[in-house]
N, C-alpha and C. Protein backbone atom coordinates (compact mmCIF):
# COMPACT_ATOMS: atom_id res chain seq x y z
N MET A 1 159.54 99.77 168.37
CA MET A 1 159.63 99.28 167.01
C MET A 1 158.38 98.49 166.62
N ILE A 2 157.89 97.65 167.56
CA ILE A 2 156.69 96.85 167.27
C ILE A 2 155.49 97.75 167.00
N ARG A 3 155.43 98.89 167.69
CA ARG A 3 154.33 99.82 167.50
C ARG A 3 154.38 100.42 166.09
N THR A 4 155.57 100.73 165.60
CA THR A 4 155.74 101.31 164.27
C THR A 4 155.36 100.29 163.20
N VAL A 5 155.80 99.06 163.36
CA VAL A 5 155.47 98.00 162.39
C VAL A 5 153.96 97.74 162.40
N SER A 6 153.37 97.68 163.59
CA SER A 6 151.93 97.47 163.69
C SER A 6 151.15 98.60 163.03
N LEU A 7 151.59 99.84 163.27
CA LEU A 7 150.93 100.98 162.65
C LEU A 7 151.04 100.91 161.13
N ALA A 8 152.21 100.53 160.62
CA ALA A 8 152.39 100.40 159.16
C ALA A 8 151.45 99.34 158.59
N ILE A 9 151.31 98.23 159.29
CA ILE A 9 150.42 97.16 158.82
C ILE A 9 148.97 97.63 158.80
N TRP A 10 148.53 98.30 159.87
CA TRP A 10 147.15 98.81 159.93
C TRP A 10 146.90 99.86 158.84
N LEU A 11 147.86 100.74 158.64
CA LEU A 11 147.70 101.76 157.60
C LEU A 11 147.65 101.12 156.21
N PHE A 12 148.48 100.10 155.98
CA PHE A 12 148.47 99.42 154.69
C PHE A 12 147.15 98.68 154.47
N ALA A 13 146.64 98.02 155.51
CA ALA A 13 145.34 97.34 155.38
C ALA A 13 144.24 98.34 155.06
N PHE A 14 144.28 99.49 155.70
CA PHE A 14 143.30 100.55 155.42
C PHE A 14 143.46 101.06 153.99
N TRP A 15 144.70 101.19 153.55
CA TRP A 15 144.99 101.61 152.17
C TRP A 15 144.36 100.62 151.19
N LEU A 16 144.57 99.34 151.41
CA LEU A 16 144.01 98.32 150.52
C LEU A 16 142.49 98.35 150.52
N LEU A 17 141.91 98.52 151.70
CA LEU A 17 140.46 98.57 151.82
C LEU A 17 139.87 99.73 151.02
N LEU A 18 140.49 100.89 151.12
CA LEU A 18 139.97 102.07 150.42
C LEU A 18 140.30 102.08 148.94
N SER A 19 141.41 101.47 148.57
CA SER A 19 141.87 101.51 147.18
C SER A 19 140.92 100.74 146.26
N GLY A 20 140.69 99.49 146.54
CA GLY A 20 139.85 98.68 145.69
C GLY A 20 140.55 98.20 144.43
N HIS A 21 141.76 98.64 144.19
CA HIS A 21 142.56 98.23 143.03
C HIS A 21 143.84 97.60 143.56
N TYR A 22 144.22 96.49 142.97
CA TYR A 22 145.35 95.75 143.51
C TYR A 22 146.42 95.50 142.45
N THR A 23 146.76 96.55 141.74
CA THR A 23 147.86 96.44 140.78
C THR A 23 149.18 96.50 141.55
N LEU A 24 150.23 96.01 140.91
CA LEU A 24 151.54 96.01 141.55
C LEU A 24 151.96 97.43 141.94
N TRP A 25 151.68 98.41 141.09
CA TRP A 25 152.05 99.79 141.36
C TRP A 25 151.32 100.32 142.61
N LEU A 26 150.02 100.12 142.68
CA LEU A 26 149.26 100.64 143.81
C LEU A 26 149.60 99.93 145.12
N VAL A 27 149.77 98.63 145.07
CA VAL A 27 150.13 97.89 146.29
C VAL A 27 151.52 98.32 146.75
N GLY A 28 152.44 98.46 145.81
CA GLY A 28 153.79 98.92 146.17
C GLY A 28 153.77 100.32 146.75
N ALA A 29 153.00 101.21 146.14
CA ALA A 29 152.89 102.58 146.65
C ALA A 29 152.27 102.57 148.05
N GLY A 30 151.28 101.70 148.26
CA GLY A 30 150.66 101.60 149.58
C GLY A 30 151.64 101.15 150.64
N ILE A 31 152.49 100.19 150.31
CA ILE A 31 153.50 99.70 151.26
C ILE A 31 154.47 100.83 151.61
N VAL A 32 154.96 101.53 150.59
CA VAL A 32 155.95 102.60 150.82
C VAL A 32 155.33 103.73 151.63
N ILE A 33 154.15 104.17 151.26
CA ILE A 33 153.52 105.30 151.94
C ILE A 33 153.12 104.92 153.37
N SER A 34 152.57 103.73 153.56
CA SER A 34 152.18 103.30 154.91
C SER A 34 153.41 103.21 155.81
N GLY A 35 154.48 102.64 155.30
CA GLY A 35 155.72 102.56 156.07
C GLY A 35 156.27 103.94 156.40
N GLY A 36 156.23 104.84 155.41
CA GLY A 36 156.73 106.20 155.64
C GLY A 36 155.91 106.95 156.67
N ILE A 37 154.60 106.81 156.60
CA ILE A 37 153.73 107.49 157.57
C ILE A 37 153.96 106.92 158.97
N ALA A 38 154.16 105.60 159.08
CA ALA A 38 154.41 104.99 160.39
C ALA A 38 155.73 105.49 160.97
N VAL A 39 156.76 105.63 160.14
CA VAL A 39 158.04 106.15 160.63
C VAL A 39 157.89 107.60 161.06
N ILE A 40 157.21 108.40 160.26
CA ILE A 40 156.98 109.80 160.63
C ILE A 40 156.17 109.87 161.92
N GLY A 41 155.17 108.99 162.06
CA GLY A 41 154.39 108.93 163.29
C GLY A 41 155.24 108.62 164.50
N ARG A 42 156.21 107.74 164.33
CA ARG A 42 157.10 107.41 165.44
C ARG A 42 157.98 108.61 165.79
N LEU A 43 158.51 109.28 164.77
CA LEU A 43 159.41 110.42 165.00
C LEU A 43 158.69 111.61 165.62
N THR A 44 157.43 111.81 165.26
CA THR A 44 156.68 112.95 165.78
C THR A 44 155.90 112.64 167.05
N GLY A 45 155.92 111.38 167.49
CA GLY A 45 155.24 111.02 168.72
C GLY A 45 153.79 110.61 168.53
N PHE A 46 153.31 110.54 167.29
CA PHE A 46 151.94 110.13 167.04
C PHE A 46 151.75 108.64 167.33
N ALA A 47 152.76 107.84 167.04
CA ALA A 47 152.67 106.40 167.23
C ALA A 47 153.10 106.04 168.65
N ASP A 48 152.48 106.68 169.63
CA ASP A 48 152.78 106.39 171.02
C ASP A 48 151.70 105.46 171.59
N GLU A 49 151.75 105.22 172.90
CA GLU A 49 150.79 104.32 173.53
C GLU A 49 149.35 104.79 173.37
N GLU A 50 149.14 106.08 173.39
CA GLU A 50 147.78 106.61 173.27
C GLU A 50 147.31 106.65 171.82
N GLY A 51 148.22 106.98 170.91
CA GLY A 51 147.84 107.09 169.49
C GLY A 51 147.64 105.76 168.80
N HIS A 52 148.41 104.76 169.19
CA HIS A 52 148.31 103.42 168.59
C HIS A 52 148.58 102.38 169.68
N PRO A 53 147.56 102.09 170.51
CA PRO A 53 147.76 101.21 171.68
C PRO A 53 147.75 99.72 171.33
N VAL A 54 148.83 99.22 170.73
CA VAL A 54 148.89 97.82 170.31
C VAL A 54 148.75 96.86 171.49
N GLU A 55 149.12 97.30 172.69
CA GLU A 55 149.03 96.45 173.86
C GLU A 55 147.59 96.10 174.20
N ARG A 56 146.66 96.87 173.70
CA ARG A 56 145.25 96.68 174.07
C ARG A 56 144.43 95.97 172.99
N ILE A 57 145.07 95.51 171.94
CA ILE A 57 144.32 94.86 170.86
C ILE A 57 143.63 93.60 171.36
N LEU A 58 144.33 92.76 172.12
CA LEU A 58 143.71 91.54 172.63
C LEU A 58 142.54 91.85 173.56
N GLY A 59 142.71 92.85 174.40
CA GLY A 59 141.61 93.26 175.28
C GLY A 59 140.43 93.77 174.48
N GLY A 60 140.71 94.48 173.40
CA GLY A 60 139.66 95.01 172.54
C GLY A 60 138.86 93.92 171.86
N LEU A 61 139.52 92.82 171.51
CA LEU A 61 138.82 91.72 170.84
C LEU A 61 137.75 91.11 171.75
N GLY A 62 137.94 91.20 173.05
CA GLY A 62 136.92 90.73 173.98
C GLY A 62 135.92 91.81 174.34
N TYR A 63 136.37 93.06 174.34
CA TYR A 63 135.52 94.16 174.80
C TYR A 63 134.56 94.67 173.72
N TRP A 64 135.06 94.88 172.52
CA TRP A 64 134.24 95.50 171.47
C TRP A 64 133.00 94.70 171.10
N PRO A 65 133.07 93.37 170.97
CA PRO A 65 131.82 92.63 170.70
C PRO A 65 130.82 92.75 171.85
N TRP A 66 131.33 92.71 173.09
CA TRP A 66 130.43 92.88 174.23
C TRP A 66 129.75 94.25 174.18
N LEU A 67 130.53 95.30 173.87
CA LEU A 67 129.97 96.65 173.79
C LEU A 67 128.92 96.73 172.69
N ALA A 68 129.18 96.10 171.54
CA ALA A 68 128.21 96.12 170.44
C ALA A 68 126.89 95.48 170.87
N ILE A 69 126.96 94.38 171.60
CA ILE A 69 125.75 93.71 172.09
C ILE A 69 125.01 94.61 173.08
N GLU A 70 125.76 95.27 173.97
CA GLU A 70 125.13 96.18 174.93
C GLU A 70 124.46 97.36 174.23
N MET A 71 125.08 97.84 173.16
CA MET A 71 124.50 98.96 172.41
C MET A 71 123.18 98.54 171.77
N VAL A 72 123.12 97.32 171.23
CA VAL A 72 121.88 96.83 170.62
C VAL A 72 120.80 96.66 171.69
N LYS A 73 121.16 96.06 172.82
CA LYS A 73 120.18 95.88 173.90
C LYS A 73 119.66 97.23 174.41
N SER A 74 120.55 98.20 174.56
CA SER A 74 120.13 99.52 175.01
C SER A 74 119.27 100.23 173.98
N SER A 75 119.60 100.04 172.71
CA SER A 75 118.79 100.65 171.64
C SER A 75 117.36 100.13 171.68
N ILE A 76 117.22 98.83 171.87
CA ILE A 76 115.89 98.24 171.96
C ILE A 76 115.15 98.77 173.19
N ASP A 77 115.84 98.87 174.31
CA ASP A 77 115.22 99.37 175.54
C ASP A 77 114.77 100.83 175.38
N VAL A 78 115.61 101.67 174.76
CA VAL A 78 115.24 103.07 174.56
C VAL A 78 114.07 103.17 173.59
N ALA A 79 114.08 102.37 172.52
CA ALA A 79 112.95 102.39 171.57
C ALA A 79 111.65 101.98 172.26
N ARG A 80 111.70 100.96 173.10
CA ARG A 80 110.51 100.55 173.84
C ARG A 80 110.03 101.66 174.77
N THR A 81 110.97 102.31 175.43
CA THR A 81 110.61 103.38 176.35
C THR A 81 109.92 104.53 175.61
N ILE A 82 110.42 104.84 174.45
CA ILE A 82 109.85 105.94 173.67
C ILE A 82 108.48 105.57 173.11
N LEU A 83 108.33 104.33 172.63
CA LEU A 83 107.09 103.93 171.97
C LEU A 83 105.97 103.50 172.92
N ASP A 84 106.31 103.08 174.11
CA ASP A 84 105.31 102.61 175.07
C ASP A 84 105.04 103.72 176.10
N PRO A 85 103.86 104.33 176.07
CA PRO A 85 103.58 105.43 176.99
C PRO A 85 103.52 105.00 178.46
N ARG A 86 103.39 103.70 178.72
CA ARG A 86 103.33 103.23 180.10
C ARG A 86 104.71 103.09 180.74
N ARG A 87 105.73 103.00 179.92
CA ARG A 87 107.09 102.87 180.47
C ARG A 87 107.58 104.24 180.92
N PRO A 88 108.01 104.34 182.14
CA PRO A 88 108.39 105.66 182.67
C PRO A 88 109.76 106.13 182.17
N ILE A 89 109.79 107.39 181.83
CA ILE A 89 111.06 108.04 181.55
C ILE A 89 111.44 108.74 182.84
N GLU A 90 112.49 108.27 183.47
CA GLU A 90 112.93 108.81 184.76
C GLU A 90 114.38 109.28 184.64
N PRO A 91 114.58 110.44 184.05
CA PRO A 91 115.96 110.91 183.86
C PRO A 91 116.68 111.10 185.19
N GLN A 92 117.95 110.72 185.19
CA GLN A 92 118.76 110.82 186.41
C GLN A 92 120.13 111.37 186.05
N LEU A 93 120.67 112.17 186.94
CA LEU A 93 122.03 112.68 186.82
C LEU A 93 122.77 112.23 188.07
N PHE A 94 123.85 111.49 187.90
CA PHE A 94 124.56 110.92 189.05
C PHE A 94 126.04 110.81 188.75
N GLU A 95 126.82 110.57 189.79
CA GLU A 95 128.26 110.40 189.65
C GLU A 95 128.63 108.95 189.93
N ILE A 96 129.69 108.50 189.24
CA ILE A 96 130.22 107.17 189.48
C ILE A 96 131.74 107.25 189.63
N SER A 97 132.30 106.30 190.33
CA SER A 97 133.75 106.18 190.41
C SER A 97 134.26 105.50 189.16
N VAL A 98 135.47 105.85 188.76
CA VAL A 98 136.05 105.33 187.53
C VAL A 98 137.19 104.39 187.88
N GLY A 99 137.14 103.16 187.37
CA GLY A 99 138.20 102.19 187.60
C GLY A 99 139.42 102.38 186.71
N PRO A 100 139.23 102.64 185.40
CA PRO A 100 140.38 102.78 184.52
C PRO A 100 141.29 103.94 184.95
N LYS A 101 142.60 103.71 184.92
CA LYS A 101 143.56 104.71 185.38
C LYS A 101 144.29 105.42 184.25
N THR A 102 144.39 104.81 183.07
CA THR A 102 145.10 105.45 181.96
C THR A 102 144.15 106.33 181.17
N ALA A 103 144.71 107.22 180.37
CA ALA A 103 143.89 108.09 179.52
C ALA A 103 143.08 107.26 178.53
N VAL A 104 143.69 106.24 177.94
CA VAL A 104 142.98 105.39 176.98
C VAL A 104 141.82 104.68 177.67
N GLY A 105 142.02 104.17 178.87
CA GLY A 105 140.96 103.49 179.60
C GLY A 105 139.82 104.42 179.97
N ALA A 106 140.16 105.61 180.46
CA ALA A 106 139.12 106.58 180.84
C ALA A 106 138.31 107.03 179.63
N VAL A 107 138.99 107.30 178.53
CA VAL A 107 138.28 107.73 177.31
C VAL A 107 137.41 106.61 176.78
N THR A 108 137.92 105.39 176.81
CA THR A 108 137.13 104.24 176.35
C THR A 108 135.88 104.09 177.20
N TYR A 109 136.02 104.22 178.51
CA TYR A 109 134.88 104.08 179.41
C TYR A 109 133.86 105.20 179.18
N ALA A 110 134.32 106.45 179.13
CA ALA A 110 133.41 107.58 178.93
C ALA A 110 132.68 107.45 177.59
N ASN A 111 133.41 107.09 176.53
CA ASN A 111 132.79 106.96 175.21
C ASN A 111 131.84 105.77 175.16
N SER A 112 132.18 104.69 175.85
CA SER A 112 131.31 103.52 175.87
C SER A 112 129.97 103.84 176.53
N ILE A 113 130.02 104.60 177.61
CA ILE A 113 128.77 105.01 178.26
C ILE A 113 127.94 105.86 177.31
N THR A 114 128.58 106.79 176.62
CA THR A 114 127.86 107.67 175.70
C THR A 114 127.36 106.92 174.47
N LEU A 115 128.11 105.94 173.99
CA LEU A 115 127.68 105.16 172.82
C LEU A 115 126.49 104.26 173.13
N THR A 116 126.30 103.93 174.39
CA THR A 116 125.18 103.08 174.78
C THR A 116 123.94 103.96 174.88
N PRO A 117 122.94 103.75 174.01
CA PRO A 117 121.76 104.62 174.01
C PRO A 117 121.09 104.69 175.38
N GLY A 118 120.67 105.90 175.72
CA GLY A 118 119.99 106.13 176.99
C GLY A 118 120.91 106.64 178.08
N THR A 119 122.22 106.66 177.83
CA THR A 119 123.17 107.18 178.82
C THR A 119 124.18 108.09 178.12
N VAL A 120 124.61 109.12 178.84
CA VAL A 120 125.58 110.08 178.31
C VAL A 120 126.55 110.45 179.42
N THR A 121 127.84 110.46 179.10
CA THR A 121 128.83 110.97 180.04
C THR A 121 128.82 112.48 179.91
N VAL A 122 128.41 113.17 180.96
CA VAL A 122 128.24 114.62 180.94
C VAL A 122 129.53 115.34 181.34
N ALA A 123 130.24 114.80 182.33
CA ALA A 123 131.46 115.45 182.82
C ALA A 123 132.46 114.39 183.26
N VAL A 124 133.72 114.72 183.08
CA VAL A 124 134.82 113.84 183.48
C VAL A 124 135.70 114.59 184.47
N ASP A 125 135.89 114.01 185.65
CA ASP A 125 136.76 114.59 186.66
C ASP A 125 137.90 113.60 186.89
N ARG A 126 138.97 113.74 186.11
CA ARG A 126 140.10 112.80 186.20
C ARG A 126 140.88 112.98 187.51
N GLU A 127 140.82 114.17 188.08
CA GLU A 127 141.54 114.41 189.33
C GLU A 127 141.00 113.52 190.45
N HIS A 128 139.68 113.34 190.47
CA HIS A 128 139.04 112.54 191.52
C HIS A 128 138.53 111.20 190.98
N ASP A 129 138.84 110.89 189.72
CA ASP A 129 138.40 109.65 189.08
C ASP A 129 136.89 109.46 189.19
N ARG A 130 136.15 110.46 188.71
CA ARG A 130 134.69 110.42 188.74
C ARG A 130 134.13 110.89 187.40
N PHE A 131 133.02 110.29 187.02
CA PHE A 131 132.26 110.72 185.85
C PHE A 131 130.88 111.16 186.32
N THR A 132 130.32 112.16 185.66
CA THR A 132 128.92 112.52 185.87
C THR A 132 128.16 111.96 184.68
N ILE A 133 127.11 111.19 184.96
CA ILE A 133 126.36 110.47 183.93
C ILE A 133 124.90 110.92 183.94
N HIS A 134 124.32 111.04 182.75
CA HIS A 134 122.88 111.27 182.62
C HIS A 134 122.29 110.00 182.04
N ALA A 135 121.24 109.48 182.68
CA ALA A 135 120.55 108.29 182.19
C ALA A 135 119.09 108.64 181.94
N LEU A 136 118.54 108.10 180.87
CA LEU A 136 117.16 108.36 180.50
C LEU A 136 116.18 107.64 181.42
N THR A 137 116.55 106.45 181.87
CA THR A 137 115.66 105.66 182.72
C THR A 137 116.40 105.16 183.96
N LYS A 138 115.62 104.70 184.92
CA LYS A 138 116.20 104.13 186.14
C LYS A 138 116.99 102.87 185.81
N ALA A 139 116.48 102.06 184.89
CA ALA A 139 117.17 100.84 184.49
C ALA A 139 118.52 101.15 183.84
N GLY A 140 118.56 102.20 183.03
CA GLY A 140 119.82 102.60 182.41
C GLY A 140 120.83 103.05 183.45
N ALA A 141 120.37 103.78 184.45
CA ALA A 141 121.26 104.23 185.53
C ALA A 141 121.77 103.04 186.33
N GLU A 142 120.90 102.08 186.60
CA GLU A 142 121.33 100.89 187.33
C GLU A 142 122.33 100.07 186.53
N GLY A 143 122.16 100.06 185.21
CA GLY A 143 123.11 99.36 184.36
C GLY A 143 124.52 99.94 184.46
N VAL A 144 124.60 101.26 184.50
CA VAL A 144 125.91 101.91 184.65
C VAL A 144 126.45 101.69 186.06
N ARG A 145 125.59 101.84 187.03
CA ARG A 145 126.01 101.68 188.43
C ARG A 145 126.44 100.26 188.78
N SER A 146 125.98 99.28 188.00
CA SER A 146 126.32 97.88 188.30
C SER A 146 127.83 97.64 188.22
N GLY A 147 128.53 98.44 187.43
CA GLY A 147 129.97 98.33 187.35
C GLY A 147 130.49 97.32 186.34
N GLU A 148 129.60 96.65 185.61
CA GLU A 148 130.03 95.66 184.62
C GLU A 148 130.90 96.29 183.53
N MET A 149 130.46 97.43 183.01
CA MET A 149 131.24 98.10 181.97
C MET A 149 132.59 98.56 182.53
N ASP A 150 132.58 99.07 183.73
CA ASP A 150 133.82 99.51 184.38
C ASP A 150 134.81 98.35 184.47
N ARG A 151 134.34 97.19 184.93
CA ARG A 151 135.22 96.02 185.06
C ARG A 151 135.76 95.59 183.69
N ARG A 152 134.91 95.63 182.69
CA ARG A 152 135.35 95.21 181.35
C ARG A 152 136.35 96.20 180.75
N VAL A 153 136.16 97.48 181.02
CA VAL A 153 137.12 98.47 180.52
C VAL A 153 138.46 98.33 181.24
N VAL A 154 138.44 98.05 182.52
CA VAL A 154 139.69 97.82 183.25
C VAL A 154 140.42 96.61 182.66
N ALA A 155 139.68 95.54 182.33
CA ALA A 155 140.30 94.37 181.70
C ALA A 155 140.85 94.74 180.32
N PHE A 156 140.10 95.54 179.56
CA PHE A 156 140.56 96.03 178.25
C PHE A 156 141.83 96.85 178.42
N GLU A 157 141.85 97.69 179.43
CA GLU A 157 142.99 98.55 179.71
C GLU A 157 144.25 97.73 179.99
N LYS A 158 144.06 96.57 180.59
CA LYS A 158 145.20 95.70 180.92
C LYS A 158 145.56 94.76 179.77
N GLY A 159 144.91 94.96 178.61
CA GLY A 159 145.22 94.10 177.47
C GLY A 159 144.49 92.77 177.49
N GLY A 160 143.35 92.73 178.16
CA GLY A 160 142.56 91.52 178.21
C GLY A 160 142.82 90.67 179.43
N ARG A 161 143.79 91.04 180.23
CA ARG A 161 144.11 90.28 181.44
C ARG A 161 143.27 90.82 182.61
N THR A 162 142.65 89.95 183.35
CA THR A 162 141.87 90.39 184.50
C THR A 162 142.64 90.29 185.79
């Protein structure tokens, strides 16, 4: 039930954001439609743990800002590598073990690696909990291998609890 109510609230907030008009009719219609879509989502299985993971919101509040900072730092590093002919481009393809055990955790980890400039998740082997990663530089590869992102995604997966 909490998942359905949370989904309705998020859908209504999105409705208000996109609408830009706050008349009684439009706000009322937004409430009715958001609630209806949330109920339909619950009945059809869309509002499940994977589709609307409310348990992970607190973990996300700690993880997403950290990821944004890492993306900016990586962007600067990749720009320097491209613009400075003395900085070596040392592409590497390697495998890493994956800490997250749920589908949401694994997808978050794989996408986080890919969103960070200079690294791409090339293959996912969920059977053996391994990812194949391509890194543009040795420093980028070491950043992934350090396991910091893995630890943070595991904490995110647990809802912010370490």
